Amino acid sequence: MILVRTNPKLAIAIVCITLLGSMFTVWRVTSTTDKVAQQGIELQRDAQKSVNEAIKQSNAAQTDAAVDTTAAQKSVDDASKQAAKLADDAAAQLAAATGEQ
């Protein structure tokens, strides 16, 4: 109050400098907040891409496993058929051998 009465120009200069400092501070905080928000959005997009890629890889692995299981089951079925055929052949040979003696 005393400064306003004794030197009003100096008081106005101090108020203006303080106001400019406050405006600069608000501008910097806003700018920094915007940058951080943008980085957060980019990180979220990257995370979503990673999740989508992991889902695709998981689905591909499940499909491969199903194909492998089907192929393995076919191999087991073929082996069973061959074993049954060999057993039938062996039984026929045994019957023929015992029938000849």
PDB file of N, CA and C in Angstrom:
ATOM      1  N   MET A   1       0.826  -1.184   0.000  1.00  0.00           N
ATOM      2  CA  MET A   1       0.000   0.000   0.000  1.00  0.00           C
ATOM      3  C   MET A   1       0.870   1.247   0.000  1.00  0.00           C
ATOM      4  N   ILE A   2       1.919   1.199   0.782  1.00  0.00           N
ATOM      5  CA  ILE A   2       2.807   2.353   0.850  1.00  0.00           C
ATOM      6  C   ILE A   2       3.486   2.555  -0.507  1.00  0.00           C
ATOM      7  N   LEU A   3       3.872   1.455  -1.176  1.00  0.00           N
ATOM      8  CA  LEU A   3       4.535   1.549  -2.467  1.00  0.00           C
ATOM      9  C   LEU A   3       3.608   2.162  -3.513  1.00  0.00           C
ATOM     10  N   VAL A   4       2.314   1.862  -3.446  1.00  0.00           N
ATOM     11  CA  VAL A   4       1.358   2.426  -4.401  1.00  0.00           C
ATOM     12  C   VAL A   4       1.261   3.927  -4.215  1.00  0.00           C
ATOM     13  N   ARG A   5       1.309   4.404  -2.983  1.00  0.00           N
ATOM     14  CA  ARG A   5       1.197   5.849  -2.726  1.00  0.00           C
ATOM     15  C   ARG A   5       2.491   6.562  -3.061  1.00  0.00           C
ATOM     16  N   THR A   6       3.637   5.920  -2.804  1.00  0.00           N
ATOM     17  CA  THR A   6       4.904   6.610  -3.018  1.00  0.00           C
ATOM     18  C   THR A   6       5.382   6.494  -4.457  1.00  0.00           C
ATOM     19  N   ASN A   7       5.210   5.322  -5.079  1.00  0.00           N
ATOM     20  CA  ASN A   7       5.712   5.132  -6.445  1.00  0.00           C
ATOM     21  C   ASN A   7       4.729   4.229  -7.214  1.00  0.00           C
ATOM     22  N   PRO A   8       3.659   4.810  -7.739  1.00  0.00           N
ATOM     23  CA  PRO A   8       2.636   4.001  -8.401  1.00  0.00           C
ATOM     24  C   PRO A   8       3.146   3.309  -9.663  1.00  0.00           C
ATOM     25  N   LYS A   9       4.089   3.895 -10.387  1.00  0.00           N
ATOM     26  CA  LYS A   9       4.616   3.275 -11.602  1.00  0.00           C
ATOM     27  C   LYS A   9       5.376   1.987 -11.266  1.00  0.00           C
ATOM     28  N   LEU A  10       6.146   2.017 -10.208  1.00  0.00           N
ATOM     29  CA  LEU A  10       6.873   0.829  -9.766  1.00  0.00           C
ATOM     30  C   LEU A  10       5.894  -0.255  -9.316  1.00  0.00           C
ATOM     31  N   ALA A  11       4.843   0.119  -8.621  1.00  0.00           N
ATOM     32  CA  ALA A  11       3.844  -0.840  -8.167  1.00  0.00           C
ATOM     33  C   ALA A  11       3.154  -1.497  -9.358  1.00  0.00           C
ATOM     34  N   ILE A  12       2.817  -0.701 -10.383  1.00  0.00           N
ATOM     35  CA  ILE A  12       2.187  -1.243 -11.587  1.00  0.00           C
ATOM     36  C   ILE A  12       3.161  -2.179 -12.309  1.00  0.00           C
ATOM     37  N   ALA A  13       4.444  -1.803 -12.372  1.00  0.00           N
ATOM     38  CA  ALA A  13       5.449  -2.644 -13.021  1.00  0.00           C
ATOM     39  C   ALA A  13       5.574  -3.990 -12.294  1.00  0.00           C
ATOM     40  N   ILE A  14       5.572  -3.968 -10.972  1.00  0.00           N
ATOM     41  CA  ILE A  14       5.666  -5.201 -10.189  1.00  0.00           C
ATOM     42  C   ILE A  14       4.437  -6.076 -10.427  1.00  0.00           C
ATOM     43  N   VAL A  15       3.273  -5.474 -10.458  1.00  0.00           N
ATOM     44  CA  VAL A  15       2.038  -6.237 -10.707  1.00  0.00           C
ATOM     45  C   VAL A  15       2.073  -6.855 -12.102  1.00  0.00           C
ATOM     46  N   CYS A  16       2.523  -6.069 -13.101  1.00  0.00           N
ATOM     47  CA  CYS A  16       2.598  -6.594 -14.471  1.00  0.00           C
ATOM     48  C   CYS A  16       3.600  -7.747 -14.579  1.00  0.00           C
ATOM     49  N   ILE A  17       4.754  -7.604 -13.959  1.00  0.00           N
ATOM     50  CA  ILE A  17       5.755  -8.669 -13.989  1.00  0.00           C
ATOM     51  C   ILE A  17       5.211  -9.924 -13.305  1.00  0.00           C
ATOM     52  N   THR A  18       4.531  -9.749 -12.171  1.00  0.00           N
ATOM     53  CA  THR A  18       3.943 -10.886 -11.468  1.00  0.00           C
ATOM     54  C   THR A  18       2.870 -11.554 -12.325  1.00  0.00           C
ATOM     55  N   LEU A  19       2.028 -10.732 -12.991  1.00  0.00           N
ATOM     56  CA  LEU A  19       0.984 -11.274 -13.856  1.00  0.00           C
ATOM     57  C   LEU A  19       1.588 -12.030 -15.035  1.00  0.00           C
ATOM     58  N   LEU A  20       2.620 -11.465 -15.653  1.00  0.00           N
ATOM     59  CA  LEU A  20       3.296 -12.151 -16.758  1.00  0.00           C
ATOM     60  C   LEU A  20       3.935 -13.456 -16.288  1.00  0.00           C
ATOM     61  N   GLY A  21       4.543 -13.443 -15.122  1.00  0.00           N
ATOM     62  CA  GLY A  21       5.127 -14.667 -14.569  1.00  0.00           C
ATOM     63  C   GLY A  21       4.070 -15.731 -14.333  1.00  0.00           C
ATOM     64  N   SER A  22       2.932 -15.329 -13.816  1.00  0.00           N
ATOM     65  CA  SER A  22       1.838 -16.275 -13.580  1.00  0.00           C
ATOM     66  C   SER A  22       1.309 -16.832 -14.900  1.00  0.00           C
ATOM     67  N   MET A  23       1.162 -15.975 -15.899  1.00  0.00           N
ATOM     68  CA  MET A  23       0.686 -16.433 -17.205  1.00  0.00           C
ATOM     69  C   MET A  23       1.687 -17.401 -17.839  1.00  0.00           C
ATOM     70  N   PHE A  24       2.978 -17.111 -17.707  1.00  0.00           N
ATOM     71  CA  PHE A  24       3.996 -18.000 -18.239  1.00  0.00           C
ATOM     72  C   PHE A  24       3.934 -19.358 -17.551  1.00  0.00           C
ATOM     73  N   THR A  25       3.756 -19.338 -16.236  1.00  0.00           N
ATOM     74  CA  THR A  25       3.678 -20.587 -15.480  1.00  0.00           C
ATOM     75  C   THR A  25       2.470 -21.411 -15.919  1.00  0.00           C
ATOM     76  N   VAL A  26       1.335 -20.769 -16.078  1.00  0.00           N
ATOM     77  CA  VAL A  26       0.128 -21.473 -16.528  1.00  0.00           C
ATOM     78  C   VAL A  26       0.341 -22.032 -17.929  1.00  0.00           C
ATOM     79  N   TRP A  27       0.959 -21.272 -18.806  1.00  0.00           N
ATOM     80  CA  TRP A  27       1.217 -21.737 -20.173  1.00  0.00           C
ATOM     81  C   TRP A  27       2.126 -22.957 -20.174  1.00  0.00           C
ATOM     82  N   ARG A  28       3.190 -22.930 -19.361  1.00  0.00           N
ATOM     83  CA  ARG A  28       4.113 -24.062 -19.304  1.00  0.00           C
ATOM     84  C   ARG A  28       3.436 -25.312 -18.735  1.00  0.00           C
ATOM     85  N   VAL A  29       2.640 -25.132 -17.695  1.00  0.00           N
ATOM     86  CA  VAL A  29       1.946 -26.276 -17.095  1.00  0.00           C
ATOM     87  C   VAL A  29       0.966 -26.872 -18.104  1.00  0.00           C
ATOM     88  N   THR A  30       0.237 -26.023 -18.800  1.00  0.00           N
ATOM     89  CA  THR A  30      -0.715 -26.501 -19.805  1.00  0.00           C
ATOM     90  C   THR A  30       0.004 -27.223 -20.927  1.00  0.00           C
ATOM     91  N   SER A  31       1.105 -26.660 -21.381  1.00  0.00           N
ATOM     92  CA  SER A  31       1.884 -27.278 -22.454  1.00  0.00           C
ATOM     93  C   SER A  31       2.416 -28.644 -22.031  1.00  0.00           C
ATOM     94  N   THR A  32       2.944 -28.715 -20.842  1.00  0.00           N
ATOM     95  CA  THR A  32       3.479 -29.975 -20.329  1.00  0.00           C
ATOM     96  C   THR A  32       2.368 -31.009 -20.156  1.00  0.00           C
ATOM     97  N   THR A  33       1.236 -30.581 -19.656  1.00  0.00           N
ATOM     98  CA  THR A  33       0.103 -31.492 -19.481  1.00  0.00           C
ATOM     99  C   THR A  33      -0.359 -32.048 -20.822  1.00  0.00           C
ATOM    100  N   ASP A  34      -0.401 -31.187 -21.838  1.00  0.00           N
ATOM    101  CA  ASP A  34      -0.799 -31.642 -23.173  1.00  0.00           C
ATOM    102  C   ASP A  34       0.186 -32.673 -23.716  1.00  0.00           C
ATOM    103  N   LYS A  35       1.471 -32.424 -23.516  1.00  0.00           N
ATOM    104  CA  LYS A  35       2.487 -33.367 -23.998  1.00  0.00           C
ATOM    105  C   LYS A  35       2.357 -34.715 -23.282  1.00  0.00           C
ATOM    106  N   VAL A  36       2.165 -34.661 -21.980  1.00  0.00           N
ATOM    107  CA  VAL A  36       2.039 -35.899 -21.203  1.00  0.00           C
ATOM    108  C   VAL A  36       0.779 -36.655 -21.611  1.00  0.00           C
ATOM    109  N   ALA A  37      -0.300 -35.937 -21.843  1.00  0.00           N
ATOM    110  CA  ALA A  37      -1.538 -36.589 -22.276  1.00  0.00           C
ATOM    111  C   ALA A  37      -1.347 -37.243 -23.637  1.00  0.00           C
ATOM    112  N   GLN A  38      -0.668 -36.561 -24.539  1.00  0.00           N
ATOM    113  CA  GLN A  38      -0.410 -37.129 -25.867  1.00  0.00           C
ATOM    114  C   GLN A  38       0.456 -38.377 -25.764  1.00  0.00           C
ATOM    115  N   GLN A  39       1.478 -38.342 -24.904  1.00  0.00           N
ATOM    116  CA  GLN A  39       2.322 -39.518 -24.709  1.00  0.00           C
ATOM    117  C   GLN A  39       1.506 -40.676 -24.130  1.00  0.00           C
ATOM    118  N   GLY A  40       0.587 -40.359 -23.219  1.00  0.00           N
ATOM    119  CA  GLY A  40      -0.264 -41.393 -22.648  1.00  0.00           C
ATOM    120  C   GLY A  40      -1.149 -42.032 -23.701  1.00  0.00           C
ATOM    121  N   ILE A  41      -1.678 -41.218 -24.600  1.00  0.00           N
ATOM    122  CA  ILE A  41      -2.517 -41.746 -25.674  1.00  0.00           C
ATOM    123  C   ILE A  41      -1.694 -42.639 -26.592  1.00  0.00           C
ATOM    124  N   GLU A  42      -0.477 -42.208 -26.924  1.00  0.00           N
ATOM    125  CA  GLU A  42       0.391 -43.021 -27.779  1.00  0.00           C
ATOM    126  C   GLU A  42       0.751 -44.347 -27.101  1.00  0.00           C
ATOM    127  N   LEU A  43       1.043 -44.306 -25.812  1.00  0.00           N
ATOM    128  CA  LEU A  43       1.347 -45.531 -25.077  1.00  0.00           C
ATOM    129  C   LEU A  43       0.147 -46.468 -25.054  1.00  0.00           C
ATOM    130  N   GLN A  44      -1.036 -45.895 -24.904  1.00  0.00           N
ATOM    131  CA  GLN A  44      -2.248 -46.711 -24.893  1.00  0.00           C
ATOM    132  C   GLN A  44      -2.451 -47.378 -26.253  1.00  0.00           C
ATOM    133  N   ARG A  45      -2.200 -46.631 -27.335  1.00  0.00           N
ATOM    134  CA  ARG A  45      -2.321 -47.210 -28.676  1.00  0.00           C
ATOM    135  C   ARG A  45      -1.302 -48.326 -28.879  1.00  0.00           C
ATOM    136  N   ASP A  46      -0.070 -48.095 -28.444  1.00  0.00           N
ATOM    137  CA  ASP A  46       0.962 -49.133 -28.565  1.00  0.00           C
ATOM    138  C   ASP A  46       0.581 -50.380 -27.770  1.00  0.00           C
ATOM    139  N   ALA A  47       0.056 -50.161 -26.576  1.00  0.00           N
ATOM    140  CA  ALA A  47      -0.354 -51.299 -25.749  1.00  0.00           C
ATOM    141  C   ALA A  47      -1.485 -52.068 -26.427  1.00  0.00           C
ATOM    142  N   GLN A  48      -2.426 -51.352 -27.029  1.00  0.00           N
ATOM    143  CA  GLN A  48      -3.533 -52.020 -27.707  1.00  0.00           C
ATOM    144  C   GLN A  48      -3.033 -52.808 -28.910  1.00  0.00           C
ATOM    145  N   LYS A  49      -2.066 -52.240 -29.637  1.00  0.00           N
ATOM    146  CA  LYS A  49      -1.476 -52.968 -30.770  1.00  0.00           C
ATOM    147  C   LYS A  49      -0.789 -54.238 -30.282  1.00  0.00           C
ATOM    148  N   SER A  50      -0.070 -54.143 -29.175  1.00  0.00           N
ATOM    149  CA  SER A  50       0.615 -55.312 -28.624  1.00  0.00           C
ATOM    150  C   SER A  50      -0.379 -56.380 -28.204  1.00  0.00           C
ATOM    151  N   VAL A  51      -1.470 -55.960 -27.586  1.00  0.00           N
ATOM    152  CA  VAL A  51      -2.504 -56.915 -27.161  1.00  0.00           C
ATOM    153  C   VAL A  51      -3.118 -57.588 -28.386  1.00  0.00           C
ATOM    154  N   ASN A  52      -3.423 -56.798 -29.416  1.00  0.00           N
ATOM    155  CA  ASN A  52      -4.009 -57.377 -30.630  1.00  0.00           C
ATOM    156  C   ASN A  52      -3.056 -58.365 -31.289  1.00  0.00           C
ATOM    157  N   GLU A  53      -1.770 -58.021 -31.324  1.00  0.00           N
ATOM    158  CA  GLU A  53      -0.776 -58.919 -31.911  1.00  0.00           C
ATOM    159  C   GLU A  53      -0.663 -60.213 -31.099  1.00  0.00           C
ATOM    160  N   ALA A  54      -0.692 -60.086 -29.778  1.00  0.00           N
ATOM    161  CA  ALA A  54      -0.634 -61.276 -28.923  1.00  0.00           C
ATOM    162  C   ALA A  54      -1.855 -62.166 -29.137  1.00  0.00           C
ATOM    163  N   ILE A  55      -3.008 -61.545 -29.324  1.00  0.00           N
ATOM    164  CA  ILE A  55      -4.229 -62.326 -29.584  1.00  0.00           C
ATOM    165  C   ILE A  55      -4.102 -63.063 -30.907  1.00  0.00           C
ATOM    166  N   LYS A  56      -3.589 -62.373 -31.935  1.00  0.00           N
ATOM    167  CA  LYS A  56      -3.411 -63.021 -33.239  1.00  0.00           C
ATOM    168  C   LYS A  56      -2.450 -64.199 -33.134  1.00  0.00           C
ATOM    169  N   GLN A  57      -1.337 -64.004 -32.417  1.00  0.00           N
ATOM    170  CA  GLN A  57      -0.370 -65.088 -32.253  1.00  0.00           C
ATOM    171  C   GLN A  57      -0.973 -66.251 -31.475  1.00  0.00           C
ATOM    172  N   SER A  58      -1.765 -65.948 -30.463  1.00  0.00           N
ATOM    173  CA  SER A  58      -2.411 -66.995 -29.681  1.00  0.00           C
ATOM    174  C   SER A  58      -3.395 -67.777 -30.547  1.00  0.00           C
ATOM    175  N   ASN A  59      -4.166 -67.066 -31.352  1.00  0.00           N
ATOM    176  CA  ASN A  59      -5.113 -67.746 -32.240  1.00  0.00           C
ATOM    177  C   ASN A  59      -4.387 -68.609 -33.266  1.00  0.00           C
ATOM    178  N   ALA A  60      -3.273 -68.089 -33.792  1.00  0.00           N
ATOM    179  CA  ALA A  60      -2.493 -68.872 -34.755  1.00  0.00           C
ATOM    180  C   ALA A  60      -1.920 -70.123 -34.087  1.00  0.00           C
ATOM    181  N   ALA A  61      -1.453 -69.986 -32.856  1.00  0.00           N
ATOM    182  CA  ALA A  61      -0.905 -71.137 -32.132  1.00  0.00           C
ATOM    183  C   ALA A  61      -1.998 -72.172 -31.857  1.00  0.00           C
ATOM    184  N   GLN A  62      -3.190 -71.708 -31.517  1.00  0.00           N
ATOM    185  CA  GLN A  62      -4.288 -72.642 -31.274  1.00  0.00           C
ATOM    186  C   GLN A  62      -4.658 -73.376 -32.566  1.00  0.00           C
ATOM    187  N   THR A  63      -4.666 -72.639 -33.678  1.00  0.00           N
ATOM    188  CA  THR A  63      -4.978 -73.265 -34.959  1.00  0.00           C
ATOM    189  C   THR A  63      -3.918 -74.294 -35.316  1.00  0.00           C
ATOM    190  N   ASP A  64      -2.653 -73.931 -35.138  1.00  0.00           N
ATOM    191  CA  ASP A  64      -1.562 -74.878 -35.414  1.00  0.00           C
ATOM    192  C   ASP A  64      -1.667 -76.112 -34.529  1.00  0.00           C
ATOM    193  N   ALA A  65      -2.003 -75.903 -33.267  1.00  0.00           N
ATOM    194  CA  ALA A  65      -2.129 -77.033 -32.345  1.00  0.00           C
ATOM    195  C   ALA A  65      -3.282 -77.941 -32.768  1.00  0.00           C
ATOM    196  N   ALA A  66      -4.374 -77.338 -33.226  1.00  0.00           N
ATOM    197  CA  ALA A  66      -5.514 -78.152 -33.673  1.00  0.00           C
ATOM    198  C   ALA A  66      -5.142 -78.950 -34.912  1.00  0.00           C
ATOM    199  N   VAL A  67      -4.402 -78.321 -35.830  1.00  0.00           N
ATOM    200  CA  VAL A  67      -3.957 -79.030 -37.037  1.00  0.00           C
ATOM    201  C   VAL A  67      -3.005 -80.154 -36.661  1.00  0.00           C
ATOM    202  N   ASP A  68      -2.074 -79.871 -35.750  1.00  0.00           N
ATOM    203  CA  ASP A  68      -1.133 -80.894 -35.305  1.00  0.00           C
ATOM    204  C   ASP A  68      -1.869 -82.051 -34.625  1.00  0.00           C
ATOM    205  N   THR A  69      -2.876 -81.735 -33.830  1.00  0.00           N
ATOM    206  CA  THR A  69      -3.646 -82.778 -33.155  1.00  0.00           C
ATOM    207  C   THR A  69      -4.390 -83.636 -34.171  1.00  0.00           C
ATOM    208  N   THR A  70      -4.960 -82.985 -35.175  1.00  0.00           N
ATOM    209  CA  THR A  70      -5.671 -83.727 -36.218  1.00  0.00           C
ATOM    210  C   THR A  70      -4.712 -84.638 -36.974  1.00  0.00           C
ATOM    211  N   ALA A  71      -3.545 -84.118 -37.313  1.00  0.00           N
ATOM    212  CA  ALA A  71      -2.546 -84.926 -38.022  1.00  0.00           C
ATOM    213  C   ALA A  71      -2.078 -86.087 -37.153  1.00  0.00           C
ATOM    214  N   ALA A  72      -1.873 -85.832 -35.877  1.00  0.00           N
ATOM    215  CA  ALA A  72      -1.439 -86.893 -34.965  1.00  0.00           C
ATOM    216  C   ALA A  72      -2.523 -87.962 -34.839  1.00  0.00           C
ATOM    217  N   GLN A  73      -3.773 -87.535 -34.753  1.00  0.00           N
ATOM    218  CA  GLN A  73      -4.866 -88.505 -34.658  1.00  0.00           C
ATOM    219  C   GLN A  73      -4.955 -89.339 -35.930  1.00  0.00           C
ATOM    220  N   LYS A  74      -4.741 -88.721 -37.085  1.00  0.00           N
ATOM    221  CA  LYS A  74      -4.757 -89.458 -38.348  1.00  0.00           C
ATOM    222  C   LYS A  74      -3.621 -90.478 -38.368  1.00  0.00           C
ATOM    223  N   SER A  75      -2.430 -90.053 -37.882  1.00  0.00           N
ATOM    224  CA  SER A  75      -1.300 -90.982 -37.832  1.00  0.00           C
ATOM    225  C   SER A  75      -1.598 -92.159 -36.914  1.00  0.00           C
ATOM    226  N   VAL A  76      -2.233 -91.880 -35.780  1.00  0.00           N
ATOM    227  CA  VAL A  76      -2.594 -92.959 -34.848  1.00  0.00           C
ATOM    228  C   VAL A  76      -3.610 -93.890 -35.502  1.00  0.00           C
ATOM    229  N   ASP A  77      -4.577 -93.322 -36.194  1.00  0.00           N
ATOM    230  CA  ASP A  77      -5.583 -94.151 -36.879  1.00  0.00           C
ATOM    231  C   ASP A  77      -4.931 -95.018 -37.958  1.00  0.00           C
ATOM    232  N   ASP A  78      -4.021 -94.415 -38.733  1.00  0.00           N
ATOM    233  CA  ASP A  78      -3.323 -95.182 -39.768  1.00  0.00           C
ATOM    234  C   ASP A  78      -2.490 -96.301 -39.152  1.00  0.00           C
ATOM    235  N   ALA A  79      -1.805 -95.999 -38.054  1.00  0.00           N
ATOM    236  CA  ALA A  79      -0.992 -97.014 -37.382  1.00  0.00           C
ATOM    237  C   ALA A  79      -1.877 -98.128 -36.848  1.00  0.00           C
ATOM    238  N   SER A  80      -3.038 -97.765 -36.313  1.00  0.00           N
ATOM    239  CA  SER A  80      -3.964 -98.792 -35.817  1.00  0.00           C
ATOM    240  C   SER A  80      -4.444 -99.684 -36.946  1.00  0.00           C
ATOM    241  N   LYS A  81      -4.753 -99.089 -38.083  1.00  0.00           N
ATOM    242  CA  LYS A  81      -5.199 -99.876 -39.242  1.00  0.00           C
ATOM    243  C   LYS A  81      -4.087-100.815 -39.713  1.00  0.00           C
ATOM    244  N   GLN A  82      -2.853-100.294 -39.753  1.00  0.00           N
ATOM    245  CA  GLN A  82      -1.724-101.125 -40.175  1.00  0.00           C
ATOM    246  C   GLN A  82      -1.497-102.263 -39.186  1.00  0.00           C
ATOM    247  N   ALA A  83      -1.605-101.941 -37.892  1.00  0.00           N
ATOM    248  CA  ALA A  83      -1.415-102.981 -36.876  1.00  0.00           C
ATOM    249  C   ALA A  83      -2.504-104.044 -36.997  1.00  0.00           C
ATOM    250  N   ALA A  84      -3.738-103.618 -37.254  1.00  0.00           N
ATOM    251  CA  ALA A  84      -4.831-104.580 -37.418  1.00  0.00           C
ATOM    252  C   ALA A  84      -4.610-105.437 -38.649  1.00  0.00           C
ATOM    253  N   LYS A  85      -4.129-104.826 -39.732  1.00  0.00           N
ATOM    254  CA  LYS A  85      -3.858-105.572 -40.962  1.00  0.00           C
ATOM    255  C   LYS A  85      -2.737-106.581 -40.728  1.00  0.00           C
ATOM    256  N   LEU A  86      -1.667-106.126 -40.042  1.00  0.00           N
ATOM    257  CA  LEU A  86      -0.559-107.039 -39.742  1.00  0.00           C
ATOM    258  C   LEU A  86      -1.024-108.186 -38.849  1.00  0.00           C
ATOM    259  N   ALA A  87      -1.872-107.869 -37.885  1.00  0.00           N
ATOM    260  CA  ALA A  87      -2.390-108.925 -37.002  1.00  0.00           C
ATOM    261  C   ALA A  87      -3.237-109.901 -37.803  1.00  0.00           C
ATOM    262  N   ASP A  88      -4.063-109.390 -38.711  1.00  0.00           N
ATOM    263  CA  ASP A  88      -4.870-110.276 -39.559  1.00  0.00           C
ATOM    264  C   ASP A  88      -3.983-111.135 -40.452  1.00  0.00           C
ATOM    265  N   ASP A  89      -2.942-110.503 -41.023  1.00  0.00           N
ATOM    266  CA  ASP A  89      -2.004-111.256 -41.873  1.00  0.00           C
ATOM    267  C   ASP A  89      -1.291-112.341 -41.067  1.00  0.00           C
ATOM    268  N   ALA A  90      -0.878-111.968 -39.855  1.00  0.00           N
ATOM    269  CA  ALA A  90      -0.181-112.934 -38.999  1.00  0.00           C
ATOM    270  C   ALA A  90      -1.119-114.069 -38.618  1.00  0.00           C
ATOM    271  N   ALA A  91      -2.374-113.736 -38.317  1.00  0.00           N
ATOM    272  CA  ALA A  91      -3.353-114.779 -37.966  1.00  0.00           C
ATOM    273  C   ALA A  91      -3.603-115.684 -39.168  1.00  0.00           C
ATOM    274  N   ALA A  92      -3.676-115.102 -40.352  1.00  0.00           N
ATOM    275  CA  ALA A  92      -3.907-115.898 -41.557  1.00  0.00           C
ATOM    276  C   ALA A  92      -2.696-116.806 -41.817  1.00  0.00           C
ATOM    277  N   GLN A  93      -1.497-116.259 -41.628  1.00  0.00           N
ATOM    278  CA  GLN A  93      -0.302-117.075 -41.827  1.00  0.00           C
ATOM    279  C   GLN A  93      -0.233-118.207 -40.798  1.00  0.00           C
ATOM    280  N   LEU A  94      -0.597-117.867 -39.554  1.00  0.00           N
ATOM    281  CA  LEU A  94      -0.602-118.879 -38.497  1.00  0.00           C
ATOM    282  C   LEU A  94      -1.639-119.963 -38.807  1.00  0.00           C
ATOM    283  N   ALA A  95      -2.795-119.530 -39.263  1.00  0.00           N
ATOM    284  CA  ALA A  95      -3.855-120.514 -39.597  1.00  0.00           C
ATOM    285  C   ALA A  95      -3.410-121.366 -40.762  1.00  0.00           C
ATOM    286  N   ALA A  96      -2.766-120.749 -41.739  1.00  0.00           N
ATOM    287  CA  ALA A  96      -2.295-121.508 -42.898  1.00  0.00           C
ATOM    288  C   ALA A  96      -1.196-122.475 -42.472  1.00  0.00           C
ATOM    289  N   ALA A  97      -0.321-122.019 -41.575  1.00  0.00           N
ATOM    290  CA  ALA A  97       0.775-122.864 -41.122  1.00  0.00           C
ATOM    291  C   ALA A  97       0.249-124.016 -40.284  1.00  0.00           C
ATOM    292  N   THR A  98      -0.696-123.773 -39.458  1.00  0.00           N
ATOM    293  CA  THR A  98      -1.224-124.845 -38.621  1.00  0.00           C
ATOM    294  C   THR A  98      -2.137-125.768 -39.418  1.00  0.00           C
ATOM    295  N   GLY A  99      -2.754-125.207 -40.449  1.00  0.00           N
ATOM    296  CA  GLY A  99      -3.609-126.022 -41.299  1.00  0.00           C
ATOM    297  C   GLY A  99      -2.787-126.933 -42.176  1.00  0.00           C
ATOM    298  N   GLU A 100      -1.567-126.583 -42.513  1.00  0.00           N
ATOM    299  CA  GLU A 100      -0.703-127.395 -43.378  1.00  0.00           C
ATOM    300  C   GLU A 100      -0.080-128.533 -42.591  1.00  0.00           C
ATOM    301  N   GLN A 101       0.131-128.333 -41.337  1.00  0.00           N
ATOM    302  CA  GLN A 101       0.799-129.380 -40.542  1.00  0.00           C
ATOM    303  C   GLN A 101      -0.158-130.374 -40.137  1.00  0.00           C
TER     304      GLN A 101
END
